[in-house]
PDB file of N, CA and C in Angstrom:
ATOM      1  N   UNK A   1    -121.658 -29.666 -32.106  1.00  0.00           N
ATOM      2  CA  UNK A   1    -123.124 -29.835 -31.743  1.00  0.00           C
ATOM      3  C   UNK A   1    -123.192 -31.354 -31.657  1.00  0.00           C
ATOM      4  N   UNK A   2    -124.014 -31.706 -30.603  1.00  0.00           N
ATOM      5  CA  UNK A   2    -124.287 -33.215 -30.443  1.00  0.00           C
ATOM      6  C   UNK A   2    -125.241 -33.605 -31.472  1.00  0.00           C
ATOM      7  N   UNK A   3    -125.136 -35.082 -31.755  1.00  0.00           N
ATOM      8  CA  UNK A   3    -126.125 -35.753 -32.692  1.00  0.00           C
ATOM      9  C   UNK A   3    -127.522 -35.590 -32.128  1.00  0.00           C
ATOM     10  N   UNK A   4    -128.418 -35.466 -33.128  1.00  0.00           N
ATOM     11  CA  UNK A   4    -129.810 -35.060 -32.545  1.00  0.00           C
ATOM     12  C   UNK A   4    -130.428 -36.536 -31.920  1.00  0.00           C
ATOM     13  N   UNK A   5    -129.926 -37.529 -32.318  1.00  0.00           N
ATOM     14  CA  UNK A   5    -130.462 -38.899 -31.817  1.00  0.00           C
ATOM     15  C   UNK A   5    -129.957 -39.100 -30.355  1.00  0.00           C
ATOM     16  N   UNK A   6    -128.786 -38.377 -29.903  1.00  0.00           N
ATOM     17  CA  UNK A   6    -128.423 -38.554 -28.684  1.00  0.00           C
ATOM     18  C   UNK A   6    -128.991 -37.633 -27.648  1.00  0.00           C
ATOM     19  N   UNK A   7    -129.847 -36.871 -28.119  1.00  0.00           N
ATOM     20  CA  UNK A   7    -130.698 -35.856 -27.163  1.00  0.00           C
ATOM     21  C   UNK A   7    -131.641 -36.639 -26.359  1.00  0.00           C
ATOM     22  N   UNK A   8    -131.460 -36.356 -24.941  1.00  0.00           N
ATOM     23  CA  UNK A   8    -132.358 -37.050 -23.998  1.00  0.00           C
ATOM     24  C   UNK A   8    -133.936 -36.835 -24.409  1.00  0.00           C
ATOM     25  N   UNK A   9    -134.303 -35.772 -25.010  1.00  0.00           N
ATOM     26  CA  UNK A   9    -135.726 -35.697 -25.191  1.00  0.00           C
ATOM     27  C   UNK A   9    -136.249 -36.719 -26.508  1.00  0.00           C
ATOM     28  N   UNK A  10    -135.170 -36.847 -27.462  1.00  0.00           N
ATOM     29  CA  UNK A  10    -135.427 -37.721 -28.693  1.00  0.00           C
ATOM     30  C   UNK A  10    -135.497 -39.176 -28.030  1.00  0.00           C
ATOM     31  N   UNK A  11    -134.651 -39.477 -27.068  1.00  0.00           N
ATOM     32  CA  UNK A  11    -134.608 -40.841 -26.619  1.00  0.00           C
ATOM     33  C   UNK A  11    -135.801 -41.165 -25.829  1.00  0.00           C
ATOM     34  N   UNK A  12    -136.368 -40.191 -25.193  1.00  0.00           N
ATOM     35  CA  UNK A  12    -137.550 -40.449 -24.228  1.00  0.00           C
ATOM     36  C   UNK A  12    -138.667 -40.449 -25.272  1.00  0.00           C
ATOM     37  N   UNK A  13    -138.827 -39.732 -26.318  1.00  0.00           N
ATOM     38  CA  UNK A  13    -139.830 -39.757 -27.215  1.00  0.00           C
ATOM     39  C   UNK A  13    -139.802 -41.048 -28.085  1.00  0.00           C
ATOM     40  N   UNK A  14    -138.608 -41.559 -28.521  1.00  0.00           N
ATOM     41  CA  UNK A  14    -138.541 -42.708 -29.218  1.00  0.00           C
ATOM     42  C   UNK A  14    -139.008 -43.945 -28.479  1.00  0.00           C
ATOM     43  N   UNK A  15    -138.557 -43.978 -27.085  1.00  0.00           N
ATOM     44  CA  UNK A  15    -139.195 -44.962 -26.108  1.00  0.00           C
ATOM     45  C   UNK A  15    -140.660 -44.931 -25.994  1.00  0.00           C
ATOM     46  N   UNK A  16    -141.240 -43.759 -26.003  1.00  0.00           N
ATOM     47  CA  UNK A  16    -142.716 -43.678 -25.986  1.00  0.00           C
ATOM     48  C   UNK A  16    -143.350 -44.319 -27.106  1.00  0.00           C
ATOM     49  N   UNK A  17    -142.745 -43.797 -28.256  1.00  0.00           N
ATOM     50  CA  UNK A  17    -143.371 -44.325 -29.608  1.00  0.00           C
ATOM     51  C   UNK A  17    -143.325 -46.053 -29.601  1.00  0.00           C
ATOM     52  N   UNK A  18    -142.169 -46.652 -29.240  1.00  0.00           N
ATOM     53  CA  UNK A  18    -141.912 -47.935 -29.203  1.00  0.00           C
ATOM     54  C   UNK A  18    -142.966 -48.700 -28.113  1.00  0.00           C
ATOM     55  N   UNK A  19    -143.243 -48.016 -27.088  1.00  0.00           N
ATOM     56  CA  UNK A  19    -144.092 -48.625 -26.005  1.00  0.00           C
ATOM     57  C   UNK A  19    -145.583 -48.458 -26.556  1.00  0.00           C
ATOM     58  N   UNK A  20    -146.001 -47.327 -27.077  1.00  0.00           N
ATOM     59  CA  UNK A  20    -147.297 -47.278 -27.615  1.00  0.00           C
ATOM     60  C   UNK A  20    -147.460 -48.163 -28.966  1.00  0.00           C
ATOM     61  N   UNK A  21    -146.421 -48.449 -29.737  1.00  0.00           N
ATOM     62  CA  UNK A  21    -146.580 -49.143 -30.974  1.00  0.00           C
ATOM     63  C   UNK A  21    -145.534 -50.270 -30.971  1.00  0.00           C
ATOM     64  N   UNK A  22    -145.832 -51.317 -30.292  1.00  0.00           N
ATOM     65  CA  UNK A  22    -144.789 -52.388 -30.272  1.00  0.00           C
ATOM     66  C   UNK A  22    -144.649 -53.275 -31.667  1.00  0.00           C
ATOM     67  N   UNK A  23    -145.645 -53.044 -32.500  1.00  0.00           N
ATOM     68  CA  UNK A  23    -145.476 -53.795 -33.707  1.00  0.00           C
ATOM     69  C   UNK A  23    -145.366 -52.688 -34.979  1.00  0.00           C
ATOM     70  N   UNK A  24    -144.566 -53.115 -35.992  1.00  0.00           N
ATOM     71  CA  UNK A  24    -144.325 -52.298 -37.053  1.00  0.00           C
ATOM     72  C   UNK A  24    -145.437 -51.651 -37.637  1.00  0.00           C
ATOM     73  N   UNK A  25    -145.705 -50.267 -37.757  1.00  0.00           N
ATOM     74  CA  UNK A  25    -146.607 -49.649 -38.417  1.00  0.00           C
ATOM     75  C   UNK A  25    -146.904 -50.076 -39.953  1.00  0.00           C
ATOM     76  N   UNK A  26    -145.769 -50.360 -40.426  1.00  0.00           N
ATOM     77  CA  UNK A  26    -145.718 -50.605 -41.991  1.00  0.00           C
ATOM     78  C   UNK A  26    -146.146 -51.961 -42.286  1.00  0.00           C
ATOM     79  N   UNK A  27    -145.487 -53.076 -41.789  1.00  0.00           N
ATOM     80  CA  UNK A  27    -145.688 -54.477 -42.216  1.00  0.00           C
ATOM     81  C   UNK A  27    -146.638 -55.152 -41.320  1.00  0.00           C
ATOM     82  N   UNK A  28    -146.869 -54.578 -40.086  1.00  0.00           N
ATOM     83  CA  UNK A  28    -147.814 -55.169 -39.114  1.00  0.00           C
ATOM     84  C   UNK A  28    -147.241 -56.489 -38.657  1.00  0.00           C
ATOM     85  N   UNK A  29    -146.190 -56.785 -38.793  1.00  0.00           N
ATOM     86  CA  UNK A  29    -145.660 -58.192 -38.252  1.00  0.00           C
ATOM     87  C   UNK A  29    -144.599 -58.179 -37.394  1.00  0.00           C
ATOM     88  N   UNK A  30    -143.518 -57.448 -37.685  1.00  0.00           N
ATOM     89  CA  UNK A  30    -142.451 -57.427 -36.931  1.00  0.00           C
ATOM     90  C   UNK A  30    -142.470 -56.487 -35.930  1.00  0.00           C
ATOM     91  N   UNK A  31    -141.630 -56.877 -34.864  1.00  0.00           N
ATOM     92  CA  UNK A  31    -141.415 -55.768 -33.643  1.00  0.00           C
ATOM     93  C   UNK A  31    -140.970 -54.448 -34.088  1.00  0.00           C
ATOM     94  N   UNK A  32    -141.520 -53.493 -33.416  1.00  0.00           N
ATOM     95  CA  UNK A  32    -141.041 -52.064 -33.844  1.00  0.00           C
ATOM     96  C   UNK A  32    -139.789 -51.860 -32.972  1.00  0.00           C
ATOM     97  N   UNK A  33    -138.571 -51.425 -33.652  1.00  0.00           N
ATOM     98  CA  UNK A  33    -137.437 -51.114 -32.983  1.00  0.00           C
ATOM     99  C   UNK A  33    -136.965 -49.782 -33.134  1.00  0.00           C
ATOM    100  N   UNK A  34    -137.621 -48.975 -34.198  1.00  0.00           N
ATOM    101  CA  UNK A  34    -137.307 -47.529 -34.475  1.00  0.00           C
ATOM    102  C   UNK A  34    -138.542 -46.751 -34.443  1.00  0.00           C
ATOM    103  N   UNK A  35    -138.284 -45.528 -34.319  1.00  0.00           N
ATOM    104  CA  UNK A  35    -139.294 -44.492 -34.519  1.00  0.00           C
ATOM    105  C   UNK A  35    -138.958 -43.945 -35.805  1.00  0.00           C
ATOM    106  N   UNK A  36    -140.088 -43.956 -36.688  1.00  0.00           N
ATOM    107  CA  UNK A  36    -139.777 -43.656 -38.217  1.00  0.00           C
ATOM    108  C   UNK A  36    -140.728 -42.407 -38.276  1.00  0.00           C
ATOM    109  N   UNK A  37    -140.202 -41.440 -39.143  1.00  0.00           N
ATOM    110  CA  UNK A  37    -141.005 -40.079 -39.294  1.00  0.00           C
ATOM    111  C   UNK A  37    -141.936 -40.407 -40.533  1.00  0.00           C
ATOM    112  N   UNK A  38    -143.190 -39.991 -40.381  1.00  0.00           N
ATOM    113  CA  UNK A  38    -144.105 -40.071 -41.442  1.00  0.00           C
ATOM    114  C   UNK A  38    -143.662 -39.060 -42.628  1.00  0.00           C
ATOM    115  N   UNK A  39    -143.338 -37.857 -42.169  1.00  0.00           N
ATOM    116  CA  UNK A  39    -142.795 -36.858 -43.119  1.00  0.00           C
ATOM    117  C   UNK A  39    -141.305 -36.631 -42.596  1.00  0.00           C
ATOM    118  N   UNK A  40    -140.464 -37.034 -43.468  1.00  0.00           N
ATOM    119  CA  UNK A  40    -138.973 -36.926 -43.081  1.00  0.00           C
ATOM    120  C   UNK A  40    -138.593 -35.768 -42.479  1.00  0.00           C
ATOM    121  N   UNK A  41    -137.724 -35.921 -41.582  1.00  0.00           N
ATOM    122  CA  UNK A  41    -137.193 -34.638 -40.963  1.00  0.00           C
ATOM    123  C   UNK A  41    -136.580 -33.530 -41.736  1.00  0.00           C
ATOM    124  N   UNK A  42    -135.710 -34.137 -42.688  1.00  0.00           N
ATOM    125  CA  UNK A  42    -135.107 -33.120 -43.573  1.00  0.00           C
ATOM    126  C   UNK A  42    -136.115 -32.648 -44.782  1.00  0.00           C
ATOM    127  N   UNK A  43    -137.293 -33.017 -44.749  1.00  0.00           N
ATOM    128  CA  UNK A  43    -138.383 -32.618 -45.766  1.00  0.00           C
ATOM    129  C   UNK A  43    -139.294 -31.733 -45.025  1.00  0.00           C
ATOM    130  N   UNK A  44    -139.104 -31.310 -43.758  1.00  0.00           N
ATOM    131  CA  UNK A  44    -139.867 -30.340 -42.917  1.00  0.00           C
ATOM    132  C   UNK A  44    -140.713 -31.048 -42.090  1.00  0.00           C
ATOM    133  N   UNK A  45    -140.524 -32.508 -41.820  1.00  0.00           N
ATOM    134  CA  UNK A  45    -141.212 -33.146 -40.730  1.00  0.00           C
ATOM    135  C   UNK A  45    -140.702 -32.763 -39.213  1.00  0.00           C
ATOM    136  N   UNK A  46    -141.291 -33.095 -38.310  1.00  0.00           N
ATOM    137  CA  UNK A  46    -140.877 -32.756 -36.971  1.00  0.00           C
ATOM    138  C   UNK A  46    -140.770 -33.945 -36.193  1.00  0.00           C
ATOM    139  N   UNK A  47    -140.158 -33.770 -35.050  1.00  0.00           N
ATOM    140  CA  UNK A  47    -140.020 -34.757 -34.038  1.00  0.00           C
ATOM    141  C   UNK A  47    -141.194 -34.813 -33.132  1.00  0.00           C
ATOM    142  N   UNK A  48    -142.310 -34.366 -33.450  1.00  0.00           N
ATOM    143  CA  UNK A  48    -143.540 -34.428 -32.726  1.00  0.00           C
ATOM    144  C   UNK A  48    -144.191 -35.798 -32.779  1.00  0.00           C
ATOM    145  N   UNK A  49    -144.785 -36.220 -31.698  1.00  0.00           N
ATOM    146  CA  UNK A  49    -145.370 -37.507 -31.662  1.00  0.00           C
ATOM    147  C   UNK A  49    -146.270 -37.898 -32.748  1.00  0.00           C
ATOM    148  N   UNK A  50    -146.900 -36.928 -33.365  1.00  0.00           N
ATOM    149  CA  UNK A  50    -147.924 -37.284 -34.308  1.00  0.00           C
ATOM    150  C   UNK A  50    -147.322 -37.507 -35.756  1.00  0.00           C
ATOM    151  N   UNK A  51    -145.980 -37.267 -35.822  1.00  0.00           N
ATOM    152  CA  UNK A  51    -145.313 -37.503 -37.070  1.00  0.00           C
ATOM    153  C   UNK A  51    -144.405 -38.733 -36.886  1.00  0.00           C
ATOM    154  N   UNK A  52    -144.556 -39.416 -35.896  1.00  0.00           N
ATOM    155  CA  UNK A  52    -143.720 -40.642 -35.557  1.00  0.00           C
ATOM    156  C   UNK A  52    -144.493 -41.981 -35.572  1.00  0.00           C
ATOM    157  N   UNK A  53    -144.028 -42.937 -36.072  1.00  0.00           N
ATOM    158  CA  UNK A  53    -144.506 -44.434 -35.944  1.00  0.00           C
ATOM    159  C   UNK A  53    -143.595 -45.378 -35.550  1.00  0.00           C
ATOM    160  N   UNK A  54    -143.898 -46.494 -34.828  1.00  0.00           N
ATOM    161  CA  UNK A  54    -143.146 -47.459 -34.675  1.00  0.00           C
ATOM    162  C   UNK A  54    -142.853 -48.339 -35.934  1.00  0.00           C
ATOM    163  N   UNK A  55    -141.710 -48.589 -36.140  1.00  0.00           N
ATOM    164  CA  UNK A  55    -141.284 -49.247 -37.302  1.00  0.00           C
ATOM    165  C   UNK A  55    -140.253 -50.415 -37.084  1.00  0.00           C
ATOM    166  N   UNK A  56    -140.062 -51.444 -37.833  1.00  0.00           N
ATOM    167  CA  UNK A  56    -139.077 -52.385 -37.714  1.00  0.00           C
ATOM    168  C   UNK A  56    -137.771 -51.806 -38.463  1.00  0.00           C
ATOM    169  N   UNK A  57    -136.763 -52.323 -38.398  1.00  0.00           N
ATOM    170  CA  UNK A  57    -135.449 -51.908 -38.855  1.00  0.00           C
ATOM    171  C   UNK A  57    -135.690 -51.940 -40.493  1.00  0.00           C
ATOM    172  N   UNK A  58    -136.178 -53.117 -40.968  1.00  0.00           N
ATOM    173  CA  UNK A  58    -136.237 -53.379 -42.379  1.00  0.00           C
ATOM    174  C   UNK A  58    -137.088 -52.443 -42.995  1.00  0.00           C
ATOM    175  N   UNK A  59    -138.235 -52.229 -42.504  1.00  0.00           N
ATOM    176  CA  UNK A  59    -139.368 -51.249 -43.110  1.00  0.00           C
ATOM    177  C   UNK A  59    -138.860 -49.806 -43.091  1.00  0.00           C
ATOM    178  N   UNK A  60    -138.207 -49.433 -41.900  1.00  0.00           N
ATOM    179  CA  UNK A  60    -137.628 -48.111 -41.915  1.00  0.00           C
ATOM    180  C   UNK A  60    -136.443 -47.914 -42.786  1.00  0.00           C
ATOM    181  N   UNK A  61    -135.623 -49.030 -43.080  1.00  0.00           N
ATOM    182  CA  UNK A  61    -134.409 -48.987 -44.083  1.00  0.00           C
ATOM    183  C   UNK A  61    -134.960 -48.769 -45.322  1.00  0.00           C
ATOM    184  N   UNK A  62    -136.142 -49.532 -45.613  1.00  0.00           N
ATOM    185  CA  UNK A  62    -136.553 -49.542 -47.041  1.00  0.00           C
ATOM    186  C   UNK A  62    -137.263 -48.185 -47.377  1.00  0.00           C
ATOM    187  N   UNK A  63    -137.954 -47.619 -46.537  1.00  0.00           N
ATOM    188  CA  UNK A  63    -138.679 -46.230 -46.643  1.00  0.00           C
ATOM    189  C   UNK A  63    -137.427 -45.201 -46.804  1.00  0.00           C
ATOM    190  N   UNK A  64    -136.424 -45.367 -46.072  1.00  0.00           N
ATOM    191  CA  UNK A  64    -135.427 -44.325 -46.056  1.00  0.00           C
ATOM    192  C   UNK A  64    -134.548 -44.457 -47.279  1.00  0.00           C
ATOM    193  N   UNK A  65    -134.439 -45.742 -47.902  1.00  0.00           N
ATOM    194  CA  UNK A  65    -133.619 -45.769 -49.184  1.00  0.00           C
ATOM    195  C   UNK A  65    -134.597 -45.283 -50.215  1.00  0.00           C
ATOM    196  N   UNK A  66    -135.933 -45.641 -50.225  1.00  0.00           N
ATOM    197  CA  UNK A  66    -136.724 -45.069 -51.389  1.00  0.00           C
ATOM    198  C   UNK A  66    -136.828 -43.352 -51.263  1.00  0.00           C
ATOM    199  N   UNK A  67    -136.702 -42.949 -50.010  1.00  0.00           N
ATOM    200  CA  UNK A  67    -136.799 -41.600 -49.902  1.00  0.00           C
ATOM    201  C   UNK A  67    -135.405 -40.794 -50.610  1.00  0.00           C
ATOM    202  N   UNK A  68    -134.342 -41.541 -50.085  1.00  0.00           N
ATOM    203  CA  UNK A  68    -133.112 -40.953 -50.588  1.00  0.00           C
ATOM    204  C   UNK A  68    -132.857 -41.093 -52.145  1.00  0.00           C
ATOM    205  N   UNK A  69    -133.376 -42.228 -52.757  1.00  0.00           N
ATOM    206  CA  UNK A  69    -133.277 -42.344 -54.103  1.00  0.00           C
ATOM    207  C   UNK A  69    -134.223 -41.542 -54.850  1.00  0.00           C
ATOM    208  N   UNK A  70    -135.332 -41.255 -54.405  1.00  0.00           N
ATOM    209  CA  UNK A  70    -136.208 -40.129 -54.933  1.00  0.00           C
ATOM    210  C   UNK A  70    -135.703 -38.681 -54.887  1.00  0.00           C
ATOM    211  N   UNK A  71    -135.146 -38.420 -53.778  1.00  0.00           N
ATOM    212  CA  UNK A  71    -134.530 -37.192 -53.526  1.00  0.00           C
ATOM    213  C   UNK A  71    -133.383 -37.020 -54.641  1.00  0.00           C
ATOM    214  N   UNK A  72    -132.508 -38.034 -54.710  1.00  0.00           N
ATOM    215  CA  UNK A  72    -131.469 -38.056 -55.767  1.00  0.00           C
ATOM    216  C   UNK A  72    -131.784 -37.919 -57.139  1.00  0.00           C
ATOM    217  N   UNK A  73    -132.860 -38.674 -57.456  1.00  0.00           N
ATOM    218  CA  UNK A  73    -133.588 -38.776 -58.895  1.00  0.00           C
ATOM    219  C   UNK A  73    -134.063 -37.270 -59.138  1.00  0.00           C
ATOM    220  N   UNK A  74    -134.791 -36.749 -58.231  1.00  0.00           N
ATOM    221  CA  UNK A  74    -135.438 -35.487 -58.290  1.00  0.00           C
ATOM    222  C   UNK A  74    -134.315 -34.376 -58.661  1.00  0.00           C
ATOM    223  N   UNK A  75    -133.172 -34.552 -57.770  1.00  0.00           N
ATOM    224  CA  UNK A  75    -132.212 -33.471 -57.908  1.00  0.00           C
ATOM    225  C   UNK A  75    -131.361 -33.582 -59.352  1.00  0.00           C
ATOM    226  N   UNK A  76    -131.535 -34.708 -59.781  1.00  0.00           N
ATOM    227  CA  UNK A  76    -130.669 -34.992 -61.147  1.00  0.00           C
ATOM    228  C   UNK A  76    -131.684 -34.875 -62.254  1.00  0.00           C
ATOM    229  N   UNK A  77    -132.959 -34.773 -62.024  1.00  0.00           N
ATOM    230  CA  UNK A  77    -133.845 -34.684 -63.148  1.00  0.00           C
ATOM    231  C   UNK A  77    -134.392 -35.993 -63.805  1.00  0.00           C
ATOM    232  N   UNK A  78    -134.109 -37.181 -62.935  1.00  0.00           N
ATOM    233  CA  UNK A  78    -134.588 -38.408 -63.337  1.00  0.00           C
ATOM    234  C   UNK A  78    -136.022 -38.885 -62.818  1.00  0.00           C
ATOM    235  N   UNK A  79    -136.511 -39.840 -63.455  1.00  0.00           N
ATOM    236  CA  UNK A  79    -137.725 -40.407 -62.839  1.00  0.00           C
ATOM    237  C   UNK A  79    -137.449 -41.644 -62.277  1.00  0.00           C
ATOM    238  N   UNK A  80    -137.489 -41.853 -61.010  1.00  0.00           N
ATOM    239  CA  UNK A  80    -137.151 -43.169 -60.349  1.00  0.00           C
ATOM    240  C   UNK A  80    -138.051 -44.333 -60.867  1.00  0.00           C
ATOM    241  N   UNK A  81    -137.559 -45.421 -61.076  1.00  0.00           N
ATOM    242  CA  UNK A  81    -138.326 -46.683 -61.313  1.00  0.00           C
ATOM    243  C   UNK A  81    -138.121 -47.819 -60.376  1.00  0.00           C
ATOM    244  N   UNK A  82    -139.031 -48.791 -60.434  1.00  0.00           N
ATOM    245  CA  UNK A  82    -139.067 -49.984 -59.610  1.00  0.00           C
ATOM    246  C   UNK A  82    -137.884 -50.770 -60.240  1.00  0.00           C
ATOM    247  N   UNK A  83    -137.023 -51.226 -59.107  1.00  0.00           N
ATOM    248  CA  UNK A  83    -135.971 -52.034 -59.722  1.00  0.00           C
ATOM    249  C   UNK A  83    -136.383 -53.322 -60.465  1.00  0.00           C
ATOM    250  N   UNK A  84    -135.837 -53.451 -61.797  1.00  0.00           N
ATOM    251  CA  UNK A  84    -136.136 -54.545 -62.585  1.00  0.00           C
ATOM    252  C   UNK A  84    -137.308 -54.201 -63.469  1.00  0.00           C
ATOM    253  N   UNK A  85    -137.835 -53.065 -63.546  1.00  0.00           N
ATOM    254  CA  UNK A  85    -138.766 -52.797 -64.420  1.00  0.00           C
ATOM    255  C   UNK A  85    -138.660 -51.278 -64.943  1.00  0.00           C
ATOM    256  N   UNK A  86    -139.519 -50.886 -65.895  1.00  0.00           N
ATOM    257  CA  UNK A  86    -139.410 -49.496 -66.351  1.00  0.00           C
ATOM    258  C   UNK A  86    -140.679 -48.782 -65.634  1.00  0.00           C
ATOM    259  N   UNK A  87    -141.371 -49.265 -64.870  1.00  0.00           N
ATOM    260  CA  UNK A  87    -142.584 -48.688 -64.206  1.00  0.00           C
ATOM    261  C   UNK A  87    -142.164 -47.445 -63.301  1.00  0.00           C
ATOM    262  N   UNK A  88    -142.576 -46.261 -63.417  1.00  0.00           N
ATOM    263  CA  UNK A  88    -142.354 -45.363 -62.445  1.00  0.00           C
ATOM    264  C   UNK A  88    -142.608 -45.671 -61.020  1.00  0.00           C
ATOM    265  N   UNK A  89    -142.068 -45.269 -59.947  1.00  0.00           N
ATOM    266  CA  UNK A  89    -142.407 -45.451 -58.628  1.00  0.00           C
ATOM    267  C   UNK A  89    -143.639 -44.702 -58.111  1.00  0.00           C
TER     268      UNK A  89
END
């Protein structure tokens, strides 16, 4: 099965998102280079246009890491904390 991101429909949608949102939705500064899911795909989010925003690589990576860490913590029964503190996220 081919990778989802190599699908021509996904590529066209990603280009549309980047054309419509040239600046990162999250930091409002950097150029958008990626289509970021508001609701993650593996959490039931879709590839519909209304679930996608333009994002810079840094913000998309940060959100993805936060999501993966929370998923891992939930699976293992832990409360995730902000790095360097004991405050829950």
